[in-house]
Amino acid sequence: MTTKEMKLNTAGLTKLRELTGAGMMYCKAALVEAKGDIKAAQDIIRKKGLDIAKKKSTREVREGQIVSYIHAGGKLGVLLEVDCETDFVAKNADFQAFCRDIAMQIAAAHPLFVSAENIPADVLEKEKSIFLDQVQGKPEAVQQKILEGKLAKRYEEICLLNQKFIKDDSKTVQNILTEIIARIGENIIIKRFVRFEVGGH
């Protein structure tokens, strides 16, 4: 490898780490697999992160943090519970930074639920009936496709994991959660939150 190639390789490695937050070994392996293509390497890391997150998703979480975030001169606040497997990770700086980011996300983006699975059945049925009224008269297959699209859009608005991440709108909160699970190596769950706003309901 020439000096120029080594510089490019090192720069690519540094860039990939900044973009994904993945460990040096993950980044190096992904760059090799992607033949130096940073975009392709990002996709490889995301897929591997998703695989790691899936494997860890059944592991029990008994530790974690309750995080508070106060904004706007005390007029807006969030209480958030994020769970992990060990007390060691609960005290980890990366984990705590992630919790703070998620609390800020909740303050800024005003989600109502953690995920689509947390939406009560009656609320979901009401949303569906509103959307179905809007597509009456169209063929059933078309209705279903439009309904799915409208629900997906609505999930992006009200479900935390589906929202665009406030610090990087090329990723969802779910992407950020998957990345930290891959990086830290433990199952992590955003359990629940409450958002308070003066004058709100």
N, C-alpha and C. Protein backbone atom coordinates (compact mmCIF):
# COMPACT_ATOMS: atom_id res chain seq x y z
N MET A 1 0.84 -1.20 0.00
CA MET A 1 0.00 0.00 0.00
C MET A 1 0.87 1.25 0.00
N THR A 2 0.58 2.20 -0.90
CA THR A 2 1.36 3.43 -0.97
C THR A 2 1.00 4.35 0.19
N THR A 3 1.87 5.39 0.40
CA THR A 3 1.61 6.37 1.46
C THR A 3 0.28 7.07 1.21
N LYS A 4 0.01 7.39 -0.07
CA LYS A 4 -1.24 8.06 -0.43
C LYS A 4 -2.45 7.19 -0.10
N GLU A 5 -2.35 5.88 -0.42
CA GLU A 5 -3.45 4.94 -0.14
C GLU A 5 -3.67 4.80 1.37
N MET A 6 -2.54 4.80 2.12
CA MET A 6 -2.65 4.69 3.57
C MET A 6 -3.37 5.90 4.16
N LYS A 7 -3.05 7.10 3.63
CA LYS A 7 -3.70 8.33 4.11
C LYS A 7 -5.19 8.30 3.81
N LEU A 8 -5.54 7.86 2.57
CA LEU A 8 -6.95 7.77 2.19
C LEU A 8 -7.68 6.76 3.07
N ASN A 9 -7.02 5.63 3.34
CA ASN A 9 -7.60 4.58 4.15
C ASN A 9 -7.86 5.06 5.58
N THR A 10 -6.87 5.77 6.14
CA THR A 10 -7.00 6.30 7.50
C THR A 10 -8.10 7.36 7.57
N ALA A 11 -8.14 8.23 6.55
CA ALA A 11 -9.18 9.27 6.50
C ALA A 11 -10.56 8.63 6.39
N GLY A 12 -10.67 7.58 5.57
CA GLY A 12 -11.95 6.87 5.40
C GLY A 12 -12.40 6.22 6.69
N LEU A 13 -11.44 5.64 7.39
CA LEU A 13 -11.72 4.98 8.67
C LEU A 13 -12.24 5.98 9.70
N THR A 14 -11.56 7.13 9.77
CA THR A 14 -11.96 8.20 10.71
C THR A 14 -13.36 8.71 10.36
N LYS A 15 -13.60 8.94 9.07
CA LYS A 15 -14.90 9.44 8.60
C LYS A 15 -16.01 8.45 8.93
N LEU A 16 -15.75 7.16 8.69
CA LEU A 16 -16.74 6.12 8.93
C LEU A 16 -17.08 6.02 10.42
N ARG A 17 -16.07 6.17 11.26
CA ARG A 17 -16.31 6.16 12.71
C ARG A 17 -17.18 7.33 13.14
N GLU A 18 -16.93 8.49 12.57
CA GLU A 18 -17.72 9.69 12.88
C GLU A 18 -19.18 9.51 12.44
N LEU A 19 -19.36 8.91 11.27
CA LEU A 19 -20.69 8.75 10.71
C LEU A 19 -21.52 7.70 11.44
N THR A 20 -20.87 6.62 11.90
CA THR A 20 -21.61 5.48 12.47
C THR A 20 -21.47 5.31 13.97
N GLY A 21 -20.36 5.82 14.53
CA GLY A 21 -20.11 5.61 15.96
C GLY A 21 -19.66 4.19 16.26
N ALA A 22 -19.43 3.39 15.21
CA ALA A 22 -19.02 1.99 15.41
C ALA A 22 -17.54 1.92 15.80
N GLY A 23 -17.15 0.80 16.41
CA GLY A 23 -15.77 0.59 16.83
C GLY A 23 -14.82 0.51 15.64
N MET A 24 -13.54 0.74 15.94
CA MET A 24 -12.52 0.77 14.88
C MET A 24 -12.47 -0.54 14.08
N MET A 25 -12.57 -1.67 14.78
CA MET A 25 -12.49 -2.98 14.09
C MET A 25 -13.69 -3.17 13.15
N TYR A 26 -14.90 -2.77 13.61
CA TYR A 26 -16.09 -2.85 12.76
C TYR A 26 -15.91 -2.01 11.50
N CYS A 27 -15.41 -0.78 11.70
CA CYS A 27 -15.22 0.15 10.58
C CYS A 27 -14.20 -0.38 9.58
N LYS A 28 -13.10 -0.91 10.11
CA LYS A 28 -12.03 -1.44 9.24
C LYS A 28 -12.56 -2.61 8.40
N ALA A 29 -13.26 -3.53 9.06
CA ALA A 29 -13.81 -4.71 8.36
C ALA A 29 -14.84 -4.29 7.31
N ALA A 30 -15.68 -3.31 7.66
CA ALA A 30 -16.71 -2.84 6.72
C ALA A 30 -16.09 -2.16 5.51
N LEU A 31 -15.03 -1.36 5.74
CA LEU A 31 -14.34 -0.68 4.62
C LEU A 31 -13.68 -1.68 3.69
N VAL A 32 -13.10 -2.71 4.26
CA VAL A 32 -12.46 -3.77 3.44
C VAL A 32 -13.53 -4.45 2.59
N GLU A 33 -14.66 -4.81 3.25
CA GLU A 33 -15.75 -5.49 2.54
C GLU A 33 -16.34 -4.61 1.44
N ALA A 34 -16.38 -3.30 1.71
CA ALA A 34 -16.96 -2.35 0.75
C ALA A 34 -15.93 -1.82 -0.24
N LYS A 35 -14.71 -2.35 -0.17
CA LYS A 35 -13.62 -1.92 -1.08
C LYS A 35 -13.38 -0.40 -1.01
N GLY A 36 -13.46 0.14 0.22
CA GLY A 36 -13.15 1.55 0.42
C GLY A 36 -14.31 2.52 0.22
N ASP A 37 -15.46 2.00 -0.22
CA ASP A 37 -16.63 2.85 -0.46
C ASP A 37 -17.31 3.15 0.89
N ILE A 38 -17.24 4.41 1.33
CA ILE A 38 -17.75 4.77 2.66
C ILE A 38 -19.26 4.57 2.77
N LYS A 39 -20.00 4.94 1.72
CA LYS A 39 -21.47 4.78 1.75
C LYS A 39 -21.84 3.31 1.90
N ALA A 40 -21.18 2.46 1.11
CA ALA A 40 -21.46 1.02 1.19
C ALA A 40 -21.05 0.47 2.56
N ALA A 41 -19.93 0.98 3.08
CA ALA A 41 -19.46 0.54 4.40
C ALA A 41 -20.47 0.92 5.48
N GLN A 42 -21.08 2.11 5.36
CA GLN A 42 -22.13 2.53 6.30
C GLN A 42 -23.29 1.55 6.30
N ASP A 43 -23.71 1.15 5.10
CA ASP A 43 -24.82 0.19 4.98
C ASP A 43 -24.46 -1.14 5.62
N ILE A 44 -23.23 -1.59 5.42
CA ILE A 44 -22.76 -2.86 6.01
C ILE A 44 -22.83 -2.78 7.52
N ILE A 45 -22.34 -1.67 8.09
CA ILE A 45 -22.34 -1.50 9.55
C ILE A 45 -23.77 -1.45 10.09
N ARG A 46 -24.65 -0.76 9.38
CA ARG A 46 -26.05 -0.69 9.83
C ARG A 46 -26.70 -2.07 9.85
N LYS A 47 -26.43 -2.86 8.79
CA LYS A 47 -27.01 -4.22 8.72
C LYS A 47 -26.45 -5.09 9.84
N LYS A 48 -25.14 -5.00 10.07
CA LYS A 48 -24.53 -5.79 11.15
C LYS A 48 -25.05 -5.34 12.51
N GLY A 49 -25.22 -4.03 12.66
CA GLY A 49 -25.77 -3.50 13.91
C GLY A 49 -27.17 -4.01 14.16
N LEU A 50 -27.98 -4.07 13.08
CA LEU A 50 -29.34 -4.57 13.20
C LEU A 50 -29.34 -6.04 13.59
N ASP A 51 -28.41 -6.82 13.01
CA ASP A 51 -28.30 -8.24 13.37
C ASP A 51 -27.94 -8.41 14.85
N ILE A 52 -26.97 -7.59 15.31
CA ILE A 52 -26.55 -7.66 16.72
C ILE A 52 -27.71 -7.27 17.62
N ALA A 53 -28.43 -6.21 17.25
CA ALA A 53 -29.56 -5.74 18.06
C ALA A 53 -30.64 -6.81 18.15
N LYS A 54 -30.91 -7.51 17.03
CA LYS A 54 -31.93 -8.57 17.03
C LYS A 54 -31.53 -9.71 17.97
N LYS A 55 -30.25 -10.08 17.93
CA LYS A 55 -29.76 -11.17 18.79
C LYS A 55 -29.89 -10.80 20.27
N LYS A 56 -29.70 -9.52 20.57
CA LYS A 56 -29.70 -9.10 21.98
C LYS A 56 -31.09 -8.71 22.48
N SER A 57 -32.06 -8.60 21.57
CA SER A 57 -33.37 -8.04 21.93
C SER A 57 -34.15 -8.90 22.92
N THR A 58 -33.80 -10.19 23.05
CA THR A 58 -34.53 -11.05 23.99
C THR A 58 -33.87 -11.08 25.37
N ARG A 59 -32.70 -10.47 25.48
CA ARG A 59 -31.99 -10.50 26.76
C ARG A 59 -32.64 -9.56 27.77
N GLU A 60 -32.70 -10.00 29.00
CA GLU A 60 -33.41 -9.26 30.05
C GLU A 60 -32.68 -7.98 30.44
N VAL A 61 -33.45 -6.94 30.67
CA VAL A 61 -32.87 -5.66 31.11
C VAL A 61 -33.35 -5.38 32.54
N ARG A 62 -32.40 -5.22 33.45
CA ARG A 62 -32.76 -4.99 34.86
C ARG A 62 -32.14 -3.72 35.42
N GLU A 63 -31.30 -3.08 34.63
CA GLU A 63 -30.65 -1.84 35.07
C GLU A 63 -31.08 -0.72 34.13
N GLY A 64 -30.52 0.47 34.34
CA GLY A 64 -30.85 1.57 33.45
C GLY A 64 -30.77 2.92 34.15
N GLN A 65 -31.40 3.89 33.53
CA GLN A 65 -31.35 5.27 34.05
C GLN A 65 -32.72 5.92 33.91
N ILE A 66 -33.06 6.74 34.90
CA ILE A 66 -34.17 7.68 34.77
C ILE A 66 -33.51 9.02 34.48
N VAL A 67 -33.85 9.61 33.35
CA VAL A 67 -33.22 10.85 32.91
C VAL A 67 -34.25 11.98 32.93
N SER A 68 -33.83 13.14 33.42
CA SER A 68 -34.71 14.30 33.35
C SER A 68 -34.07 15.36 32.47
N TYR A 69 -34.90 16.06 31.73
CA TYR A 69 -34.41 17.13 30.86
C TYR A 69 -35.39 18.31 30.98
N ILE A 70 -34.86 19.46 31.34
CA ILE A 70 -35.68 20.66 31.49
C ILE A 70 -35.24 21.69 30.45
N HIS A 71 -36.22 22.27 29.76
CA HIS A 71 -35.92 23.19 28.66
C HIS A 71 -36.81 24.44 28.79
N ALA A 72 -36.48 25.44 28.01
CA ALA A 72 -37.30 26.66 27.86
C ALA A 72 -37.57 27.35 29.19
N GLY A 73 -36.51 27.53 29.98
CA GLY A 73 -36.66 28.26 31.24
C GLY A 73 -37.60 27.60 32.22
N GLY A 74 -37.61 26.27 32.22
CA GLY A 74 -38.45 25.54 33.16
C GLY A 74 -39.89 25.35 32.70
N LYS A 75 -40.18 25.65 31.45
CA LYS A 75 -41.56 25.52 30.95
C LYS A 75 -41.81 24.21 30.21
N LEU A 76 -40.74 23.44 29.98
CA LEU A 76 -40.86 22.17 29.26
C LEU A 76 -39.92 21.16 29.90
N GLY A 77 -40.43 19.98 30.21
CA GLY A 77 -39.58 18.97 30.85
C GLY A 77 -39.93 17.56 30.40
N VAL A 78 -38.94 16.67 30.50
CA VAL A 78 -39.12 15.27 30.11
C VAL A 78 -38.55 14.37 31.21
N LEU A 79 -39.29 13.32 31.54
CA LEU A 79 -38.77 12.24 32.37
C LEU A 79 -38.76 10.99 31.51
N LEU A 80 -37.63 10.31 31.48
CA LEU A 80 -37.43 9.19 30.55
C LEU A 80 -36.76 8.02 31.26
N GLU A 81 -37.26 6.81 30.99
CA GLU A 81 -36.60 5.60 31.50
C GLU A 81 -36.01 4.82 30.32
N VAL A 82 -34.69 4.58 30.40
CA VAL A 82 -34.01 3.75 29.41
C VAL A 82 -33.35 2.61 30.17
N ASP A 83 -33.65 1.36 29.79
CA ASP A 83 -33.14 0.20 30.51
C ASP A 83 -32.02 -0.50 29.74
N CYS A 84 -31.12 -1.13 30.50
CA CYS A 84 -30.02 -1.92 29.93
C CYS A 84 -29.81 -3.15 30.81
N GLU A 85 -28.80 -3.95 30.50
CA GLU A 85 -28.61 -5.22 31.20
C GLU A 85 -27.81 -5.09 32.50
N THR A 86 -26.82 -4.19 32.51
CA THR A 86 -25.92 -4.12 33.67
C THR A 86 -25.76 -2.70 34.19
N ASP A 87 -25.42 -2.62 35.47
CA ASP A 87 -25.15 -1.34 36.11
C ASP A 87 -23.92 -0.67 35.48
N PHE A 88 -22.98 -1.50 35.01
CA PHE A 88 -21.76 -1.00 34.37
C PHE A 88 -22.13 -0.16 33.14
N VAL A 89 -23.04 -0.66 32.32
CA VAL A 89 -23.47 0.08 31.13
C VAL A 89 -24.32 1.29 31.51
N ALA A 90 -25.13 1.16 32.55
CA ALA A 90 -25.96 2.28 33.00
C ALA A 90 -25.10 3.49 33.37
N LYS A 91 -23.86 3.23 33.79
CA LYS A 91 -22.95 4.32 34.17
C LYS A 91 -22.02 4.73 33.03
N ASN A 92 -22.13 4.02 31.89
CA ASN A 92 -21.28 4.28 30.73
C ASN A 92 -21.61 5.65 30.11
N ALA A 93 -20.57 6.40 29.76
CA ALA A 93 -20.76 7.77 29.23
C ALA A 93 -21.55 7.76 27.92
N ASP A 94 -21.30 6.78 27.04
CA ASP A 94 -22.03 6.68 25.77
C ASP A 94 -23.52 6.45 26.01
N PHE A 95 -23.81 5.56 26.95
CA PHE A 95 -25.20 5.24 27.29
C PHE A 95 -25.91 6.47 27.84
N GLN A 96 -25.23 7.18 28.74
CA GLN A 96 -25.83 8.37 29.35
C GLN A 96 -26.04 9.48 28.32
N ALA A 97 -25.10 9.62 27.39
CA ALA A 97 -25.24 10.62 26.32
C ALA A 97 -26.43 10.27 25.43
N PHE A 98 -26.59 8.96 25.15
CA PHE A 98 -27.73 8.49 24.35
C PHE A 98 -29.04 8.85 25.06
N CYS A 99 -29.09 8.59 26.37
CA CYS A 99 -30.32 8.91 27.15
C CYS A 99 -30.65 10.40 27.08
N ARG A 100 -29.63 11.23 27.20
CA ARG A 100 -29.84 12.68 27.13
C ARG A 100 -30.36 13.10 25.75
N ASP A 101 -29.76 12.51 24.71
CA ASP A 101 -30.21 12.82 23.33
C ASP A 101 -31.68 12.44 23.13
N ILE A 102 -32.06 11.29 23.68
CA ILE A 102 -33.45 10.83 23.51
C ILE A 102 -34.41 11.73 24.29
N ALA A 103 -33.99 12.18 25.48
CA ALA A 103 -34.83 13.10 26.26
C ALA A 103 -35.02 14.42 25.49
N MET A 104 -33.94 14.90 24.85
CA MET A 104 -34.03 16.11 24.03
C MET A 104 -34.94 15.88 22.82
N GLN A 105 -34.86 14.70 22.23
CA GLN A 105 -35.72 14.34 21.11
C GLN A 105 -37.19 14.44 21.51
N ILE A 106 -37.51 13.89 22.67
CA ILE A 106 -38.90 13.90 23.17
C ILE A 106 -39.37 15.33 23.41
N ALA A 107 -38.49 16.15 23.98
CA ALA A 107 -38.84 17.56 24.23
C ALA A 107 -39.12 18.29 22.92
N ALA A 108 -38.26 18.06 21.92
CA ALA A 108 -38.35 18.80 20.66
C ALA A 108 -39.44 18.28 19.72
N ALA A 109 -39.56 16.94 19.63
CA ALA A 109 -40.40 16.35 18.58
C ALA A 109 -41.77 15.89 19.08
N HIS A 110 -42.00 15.92 20.38
CA HIS A 110 -43.31 15.66 20.97
C HIS A 110 -43.94 14.33 20.54
N PRO A 111 -43.22 13.20 20.65
CA PRO A 111 -43.86 11.91 20.37
C PRO A 111 -44.90 11.60 21.45
N LEU A 112 -45.86 10.74 21.11
CA LEU A 112 -46.87 10.35 22.09
C LEU A 112 -46.63 8.95 22.63
N PHE A 113 -45.94 8.12 21.83
CA PHE A 113 -45.69 6.73 22.21
C PHE A 113 -44.25 6.36 21.88
N VAL A 114 -43.74 5.30 22.53
CA VAL A 114 -42.38 4.84 22.21
C VAL A 114 -42.36 4.24 20.82
N SER A 115 -43.32 3.35 20.53
CA SER A 115 -43.36 2.69 19.21
C SER A 115 -44.80 2.45 18.80
N ALA A 116 -44.99 1.99 17.58
CA ALA A 116 -46.34 1.71 17.07
C ALA A 116 -47.03 0.63 17.90
N GLU A 117 -46.23 -0.29 18.46
CA GLU A 117 -46.79 -1.37 19.29
C GLU A 117 -47.42 -0.84 20.57
N ASN A 118 -47.01 0.36 20.98
CA ASN A 118 -47.53 0.95 22.22
C ASN A 118 -48.81 1.76 22.02
N ILE A 119 -49.23 1.92 20.77
CA ILE A 119 -50.46 2.70 20.52
C ILE A 119 -51.66 1.85 20.94
N PRO A 120 -52.51 2.37 21.82
CA PRO A 120 -53.71 1.61 22.23
C PRO A 120 -54.58 1.26 21.02
N ALA A 121 -55.21 0.09 21.07
CA ALA A 121 -56.00 -0.40 19.94
C ALA A 121 -57.09 0.58 19.51
N ASP A 122 -57.77 1.23 20.50
CA ASP A 122 -58.85 2.15 20.14
C ASP A 122 -58.33 3.40 19.42
N VAL A 123 -57.14 3.85 19.83
CA VAL A 123 -56.53 5.03 19.17
C VAL A 123 -56.14 4.67 17.74
N LEU A 124 -55.56 3.47 17.57
CA LEU A 124 -55.14 3.02 16.24
C LEU A 124 -56.34 2.86 15.31
N GLU A 125 -57.43 2.28 15.84
CA GLU A 125 -58.64 2.09 15.02
C GLU A 125 -59.23 3.43 14.60
N LYS A 126 -59.18 4.41 15.51
CA LYS A 126 -59.69 5.75 15.19
C LYS A 126 -58.88 6.38 14.06
N GLU A 127 -57.53 6.25 14.15
CA GLU A 127 -56.65 6.78 13.10
C GLU A 127 -56.98 6.11 11.75
N LYS A 128 -57.14 4.78 11.78
CA LYS A 128 -57.43 4.03 10.55
C LYS A 128 -58.76 4.47 9.94
N SER A 129 -59.76 4.66 10.80
CA SER A 129 -61.08 5.03 10.27
C SER A 129 -61.07 6.42 9.63
N ILE A 130 -60.28 7.34 10.21
CA ILE A 130 -60.14 8.68 9.62
C ILE A 130 -59.51 8.58 8.23
N PHE A 131 -58.43 7.78 8.13
CA PHE A 131 -57.73 7.63 6.85
C PHE A 131 -58.61 6.91 5.83
N LEU A 132 -59.38 5.89 6.29
CA LEU A 132 -60.25 5.15 5.37
C LEU A 132 -61.34 6.06 4.80
N ASP A 133 -61.86 6.97 5.62
CA ASP A 133 -62.86 7.93 5.14
C ASP A 133 -62.29 8.79 4.01
N GLN A 134 -60.99 9.07 4.09
CA GLN A 134 -60.34 9.94 3.10
C GLN A 134 -60.12 9.24 1.75
N VAL A 135 -60.17 7.90 1.75
CA VAL A 135 -59.88 7.17 0.50
C VAL A 135 -61.09 6.42 -0.05
N GLN A 136 -62.26 6.73 0.49
CA GLN A 136 -63.48 6.07 0.01
C GLN A 136 -63.65 6.30 -1.49
N GLY A 137 -64.15 5.25 -2.18
CA GLY A 137 -64.40 5.37 -3.61
C GLY A 137 -63.26 4.85 -4.48
N LYS A 138 -62.11 4.64 -3.87
CA LYS A 138 -60.98 4.10 -4.63
C LYS A 138 -61.01 2.57 -4.54
N PRO A 139 -60.37 1.86 -5.50
CA PRO A 139 -60.32 0.40 -5.43
C PRO A 139 -59.69 -0.06 -4.11
N GLU A 140 -60.14 -1.24 -3.63
CA GLU A 140 -59.70 -1.72 -2.31
C GLU A 140 -58.18 -1.83 -2.19
N ALA A 141 -57.52 -2.35 -3.23
CA ALA A 141 -56.06 -2.49 -3.20
C ALA A 141 -55.37 -1.13 -3.07
N VAL A 142 -55.93 -0.15 -3.76
CA VAL A 142 -55.39 1.22 -3.70
C VAL A 142 -55.63 1.81 -2.32
N GLN A 143 -56.83 1.57 -1.79
CA GLN A 143 -57.16 2.04 -0.44
C GLN A 143 -56.14 1.52 0.58
N GLN A 144 -55.85 0.22 0.47
CA GLN A 144 -54.92 -0.41 1.43
C GLN A 144 -53.53 0.19 1.34
N LYS A 145 -53.08 0.44 0.12
CA LYS A 145 -51.75 1.01 -0.08
C LYS A 145 -51.67 2.44 0.50
N ILE A 146 -52.71 3.22 0.23
CA ILE A 146 -52.75 4.60 0.75
C ILE A 146 -52.82 4.58 2.28
N LEU A 147 -53.64 3.67 2.81
CA LEU A 147 -53.78 3.54 4.27
C LEU A 147 -52.43 3.24 4.92
N GLU A 148 -51.71 2.29 4.34
CA GLU A 148 -50.39 1.92 4.88
C GLU A 148 -49.44 3.12 4.85
N GLY A 149 -49.48 3.87 3.75
CA GLY A 149 -48.61 5.05 3.62
C GLY A 149 -48.96 6.13 4.64
N LYS A 150 -50.26 6.35 4.83
CA LYS A 150 -50.72 7.37 5.79
C LYS A 150 -50.38 6.97 7.22
N LEU A 151 -50.53 5.67 7.53
CA LEU A 151 -50.20 5.19 8.87
C LEU A 151 -48.70 5.31 9.14
N ALA A 152 -47.89 4.96 8.14
CA ALA A 152 -46.43 5.07 8.29
C ALA A 152 -46.03 6.51 8.56
N LYS A 153 -46.66 7.44 7.85
CA LYS A 153 -46.40 8.87 8.05
C LYS A 153 -46.83 9.31 9.45
N ARG A 154 -47.98 8.81 9.89
CA ARG A 154 -48.48 9.15 11.22
C ARG A 154 -47.55 8.59 12.31
N TYR A 155 -47.03 7.37 12.10
CA TYR A 155 -46.09 6.78 13.06
C TYR A 155 -44.84 7.66 13.20
N GLU A 156 -44.40 8.24 12.08
CA GLU A 156 -43.24 9.13 12.11
C GLU A 156 -43.50 10.36 12.98
N GLU A 157 -44.74 10.75 13.05
CA GLU A 157 -45.11 11.93 13.85
C GLU A 157 -45.25 11.61 15.33
N ILE A 158 -45.89 10.47 15.65
CA ILE A 158 -46.26 10.23 17.05
C ILE A 158 -45.47 9.14 17.77
N CYS A 159 -44.69 8.35 17.03
CA CYS A 159 -43.94 7.26 17.66
C CYS A 159 -42.45 7.60 17.71
N LEU A 160 -41.89 7.63 18.89
CA LEU A 160 -40.50 8.03 19.11
C LEU A 160 -39.53 7.27 18.20
N LEU A 161 -39.62 5.95 18.16
CA LEU A 161 -38.65 5.15 17.40
C LEU A 161 -38.74 5.40 15.89
N ASN A 162 -39.89 5.86 15.42
CA ASN A 162 -40.08 6.11 13.99
C ASN A 162 -39.66 7.52 13.57
N GLN A 163 -39.45 8.40 14.54
CA GLN A 163 -39.14 9.79 14.22
C GLN A 163 -37.72 9.95 13.66
N LYS A 164 -37.55 10.98 12.83
CA LYS A 164 -36.22 11.37 12.38
C LYS A 164 -35.45 11.89 13.60
N PHE A 165 -34.20 11.46 13.72
CA PHE A 165 -33.38 11.87 14.86
C PHE A 165 -33.03 13.35 14.72
N ILE A 166 -33.24 14.13 15.79
CA ILE A 166 -33.06 15.58 15.70
C ILE A 166 -31.63 16.01 15.38
N LYS A 167 -30.65 15.17 15.71
CA LYS A 167 -29.25 15.53 15.46
C LYS A 167 -28.75 15.04 14.10
N ASP A 168 -29.52 14.17 13.44
CA ASP A 168 -29.13 13.64 12.13
C ASP A 168 -30.38 13.08 11.47
N ASP A 169 -31.02 13.89 10.61
CA ASP A 169 -32.31 13.45 10.06
C ASP A 169 -32.19 12.41 8.94
N SER A 170 -30.96 11.93 8.69
CA SER A 170 -30.81 10.80 7.77
C SER A 170 -31.07 9.48 8.51
N LYS A 171 -31.24 9.57 9.83
CA LYS A 171 -31.46 8.38 10.66
C LYS A 171 -32.73 8.55 11.48
N THR A 172 -33.34 7.41 11.84
CA THR A 172 -34.45 7.45 12.77
C THR A 172 -33.91 7.19 14.18
N VAL A 173 -34.76 7.41 15.18
CA VAL A 173 -34.36 7.10 16.56
C VAL A 173 -34.07 5.60 16.68
N GLN A 174 -34.83 4.78 15.94
CA GLN A 174 -34.57 3.33 15.94
C GLN A 174 -33.16 3.03 15.43
N ASN A 175 -32.72 3.72 14.38
CA ASN A 175 -31.35 3.54 13.87
C ASN A 175 -30.32 3.86 14.95
N ILE A 176 -30.54 4.96 15.69
CA ILE A 176 -29.62 5.38 16.74
C ILE A 176 -29.59 4.35 17.86
N LEU A 177 -30.76 3.82 18.22
CA LEU A 177 -30.86 2.79 19.25
C LEU A 177 -30.11 1.53 18.81
N THR A 178 -30.31 1.12 17.56
CA THR A 178 -29.62 -0.07 17.02
C THR A 178 -28.11 0.11 17.06
N GLU A 179 -27.66 1.30 16.69
CA GLU A 179 -26.22 1.58 16.67
C GLU A 179 -25.60 1.49 18.07
N ILE A 180 -26.28 2.02 19.07
CA ILE A 180 -25.69 1.99 20.41
C ILE A 180 -25.72 0.57 20.99
N ILE A 181 -26.73 -0.22 20.64
CA ILE A 181 -26.77 -1.63 21.07
C ILE A 181 -25.57 -2.37 20.48
N ALA A 182 -25.30 -2.14 19.18
CA ALA A 182 -24.16 -2.78 18.52
C ALA A 182 -22.84 -2.32 19.13
N ARG A 183 -22.75 -1.03 19.44
CA ARG A 183 -21.51 -0.46 19.96
C ARG A 183 -21.22 -0.91 21.39
N ILE A 184 -22.26 -0.91 22.23
CA ILE A 184 -22.07 -1.23 23.65
C ILE A 184 -22.12 -2.73 23.91
N GLY A 185 -22.94 -3.43 23.13
CA GLY A 185 -22.98 -4.89 23.28
C GLY A 185 -23.98 -5.39 24.30
N GLU A 186 -24.98 -4.58 24.63
CA GLU A 186 -26.05 -5.01 25.54
C GLU A 186 -27.39 -4.64 24.94
N ASN A 187 -28.43 -5.36 25.38
CA ASN A 187 -29.78 -4.98 25.00
C ASN A 187 -30.14 -3.67 25.70
N ILE A 188 -30.69 -2.74 24.97
CA ILE A 188 -31.09 -1.45 25.51
C ILE A 188 -32.53 -1.18 25.06
N ILE A 189 -33.38 -0.78 25.99
CA ILE A 189 -34.79 -0.55 25.68
C ILE A 189 -35.21 0.84 26.17
N ILE A 190 -35.81 1.61 25.27
CA ILE A 190 -36.45 2.86 25.70
C ILE A 190 -37.81 2.45 26.26
N LYS A 191 -37.92 2.48 27.57
CA LYS A 191 -39.08 1.88 28.25
C LYS A 191 -40.30 2.80 28.25
N ARG A 192 -40.14 4.02 28.73
CA ARG A 192 -41.30 4.91 28.85
C ARG A 192 -40.84 6.35 29.04
N PHE A 193 -41.74 7.27 28.81
CA PHE A 193 -41.41 8.69 29.02
C PHE A 193 -42.67 9.48 29.33
N VAL A 194 -42.47 10.62 29.95
CA VAL A 194 -43.55 11.59 30.16
C VAL A 194 -43.00 12.96 29.77
N ARG A 195 -43.78 13.70 29.02
CA ARG A 195 -43.39 15.04 28.59
C ARG A 195 -44.33 16.05 29.23
N PHE A 196 -43.77 16.99 29.96
CA PHE A 196 -44.57 18.03 30.62
C PHE A 196 -44.33 19.38 29.96
N GLU A 197 -45.40 20.11 29.74
CA GLU A 197 -45.27 21.45 29.19
C GLU A 197 -46.26 22.38 29.89
N VAL A 198 -45.76 23.51 30.36
CA VAL A 198 -46.62 24.46 31.06
C VAL A 198 -47.76 24.89 30.13
N GLY A 199 -48.99 24.76 30.63
CA GLY A 199 -50.15 25.12 29.81
C GLY A 199 -50.63 23.99 28.94
N GLY A 200 -49.88 22.84 28.92
CA GLY A 200 -50.29 21.71 28.10
C GLY A 200 -51.33 20.87 28.82
N HIS A 201 -51.78 19.82 28.15
CA HIS A 201 -52.82 18.94 28.73
C HIS A 201 -52.26 17.55 28.93
